[in-house]
């Protein structure tokens, strides 16, 4: 019965807003998750201004060992998020946007192959 109620409330795939995932890397040394999350989101808020809410930006994941992290955003804001990340700094280290995709699994594969390579 609950599944039927959830199915009724959930929007059709054609009505759901499109999303993109942005893979980024913090270049430099080890940085803690909390520092990265706080720095990146505050930088994006100042970069976007009042458009931040409509961009639907969400911090998904960060691995302090490899320096890779994921952001989720609306498909219309993906390019602007990448531009904003180019000017972001976390504890004095640069943030580099690596790739954008509609699939989180694809970006995880790219991040794991790049972290093994170097």
Protein backbone atom coordinates (compact mmCIF):
# COMPACT_ATOMS: atom_id res chain seq x y z
CA UNK A 1 0.00 0.00 0.00
CA UNK A 2 2.83 2.42 0.83
CA UNK A 3 4.49 1.70 -2.50
CA UNK A 4 1.30 2.66 -4.29
CA UNK A 5 1.16 5.97 -2.40
CA UNK A 6 4.83 6.73 -3.14
CA UNK A 7 4.31 5.88 -6.80
CA UNK A 8 1.39 8.30 -6.99
CA UNK A 9 3.36 11.17 -5.40
CA UNK A 10 6.51 10.76 -7.46
CA UNK A 11 6.66 12.88 -10.60
CA UNK A 12 6.94 11.30 -14.00
CA UNK A 13 10.49 11.19 -15.44
CA UNK A 14 9.53 13.74 -18.09
CA UNK A 15 8.38 16.19 -15.39
CA UNK A 16 11.40 15.84 -13.08
CA UNK A 17 14.07 18.52 -13.36
CA UNK A 18 17.22 17.34 -15.13
CA UNK A 19 20.37 17.08 -13.06
CA UNK A 20 24.10 17.00 -13.64
CA UNK A 21 26.94 15.81 -11.49
CA UNK A 22 30.23 17.71 -11.49
CA UNK A 23 33.42 15.87 -10.58
CA UNK A 24 36.03 18.15 -9.03
CA UNK A 25 39.47 17.70 -7.52
CA UNK A 26 41.17 19.69 -4.78
CA UNK A 27 44.74 20.18 -5.97
CA UNK A 28 47.37 20.15 -3.26
CA UNK A 29 47.47 18.40 0.09
CA UNK A 30 45.01 16.67 2.38
CA UNK A 31 41.90 18.66 3.20
CA UNK A 32 39.09 17.62 5.53
CA UNK A 33 35.57 16.98 4.28
CA UNK A 34 34.04 19.73 6.43
CA UNK A 35 36.49 22.35 5.15
CA UNK A 36 35.84 21.41 1.52
CA UNK A 37 32.07 21.34 1.90
CA UNK A 38 31.93 24.67 3.70
CA UNK A 39 34.39 26.44 1.37
CA UNK A 40 32.92 25.17 -1.89
CA UNK A 41 29.29 25.82 -0.97
CA UNK A 42 29.99 29.30 0.41
CA UNK A 43 31.97 30.18 -2.71
CA UNK A 44 29.15 28.92 -4.95
CA UNK A 45 26.57 30.88 -2.93
CA UNK A 46 28.55 34.10 -3.36
CA UNK A 47 29.16 33.37 -7.06
CA UNK A 48 25.51 32.60 -7.87
CA UNK A 49 23.89 35.11 -5.55
CA UNK A 50 20.09 34.90 -5.54
CA UNK A 51 20.19 32.25 -8.31
CA UNK A 52 21.75 29.71 -5.92
CA UNK A 53 18.43 28.15 -4.89
CA UNK A 54 17.19 27.75 -8.45
CA UNK A 55 20.48 26.09 -9.47
CA UNK A 56 19.67 23.22 -7.02
CA UNK A 57 23.31 22.74 -5.99
CA UNK A 58 24.03 19.97 -3.51
CA UNK A 59 27.33 18.65 -2.16
CA UNK A 60 27.28 14.88 -2.70
CA UNK A 61 30.65 13.39 -1.71
CA UNK A 62 34.32 14.15 -1.06
CA UNK A 63 37.21 11.72 -0.56
CA UNK A 64 40.04 13.42 1.30
CA UNK A 65 42.49 10.69 0.30
CA UNK A 66 42.21 11.19 -3.45
CA UNK A 67 40.98 14.79 -3.35
CA UNK A 68 37.99 14.02 -5.61
CA UNK A 69 34.45 15.18 -4.88
CA UNK A 70 31.01 15.40 -6.49
CA UNK A 71 28.46 18.18 -6.72
CA UNK A 72 24.89 17.80 -7.96
CA UNK A 73 23.21 20.68 -9.79
CA UNK A 74 20.51 21.49 -12.29
CA UNK A 75 21.43 20.92 -15.95
CA UNK A 76 21.10 24.61 -16.80
CA UNK A 77 23.57 25.61 -14.05
CA UNK A 78 26.27 23.00 -14.76
CA UNK A 79 28.50 25.26 -16.86
CA UNK A 80 28.25 28.10 -14.37
CA UNK A 81 29.14 25.71 -11.52
CA UNK A 82 32.27 24.63 -13.42
CA UNK A 83 33.26 28.27 -13.94
CA UNK A 84 32.71 29.02 -10.27
CA UNK A 85 34.85 26.06 -9.21
CA UNK A 86 37.77 27.39 -11.25
CA UNK A 87 38.02 30.40 -8.94
CA UNK A 88 37.34 28.50 -5.68
CA UNK A 89 40.03 27.85 -3.08
CA UNK A 90 39.88 25.43 -0.16
CA UNK A 91 42.39 26.06 2.63
CA UNK A 92 44.65 27.73 0.09
CA UNK A 93 44.42 24.86 -2.45
CA UNK A 94 42.89 25.23 -5.90
CA UNK A 95 39.75 23.40 -6.97
CA UNK A 96 39.71 21.97 -10.50
CA UNK A 97 36.49 20.82 -12.21
CA UNK A 98 37.31 17.55 -13.98
CA UNK A 99 34.15 16.33 -15.71
CA UNK A 100 30.39 16.77 -15.88
CA UNK A 101 27.93 13.92 -16.40
CA UNK A 102 24.30 13.02 -15.89
CA UNK A 103 25.32 9.75 -14.24
CA UNK A 104 27.03 9.52 -10.87
CA UNK A 105 28.25 5.98 -11.62
CA UNK A 106 30.16 7.19 -14.67
CA UNK A 107 31.90 9.93 -12.66
CA UNK A 108 32.80 7.46 -9.90
CA UNK A 109 34.51 5.27 -12.50
CA UNK A 110 36.43 8.27 -13.89
CA UNK A 111 37.49 9.37 -10.40
CA UNK A 112 38.70 5.90 -9.43
CA UNK A 113 40.68 5.49 -12.66
CA UNK A 114 42.31 8.92 -12.27
CA UNK A 115 43.14 8.38 -8.59
CA UNK A 116 44.85 5.08 -9.45
CA UNK A 117 46.75 6.66 -12.35
CA UNK A 118 48.29 9.40 -10.37
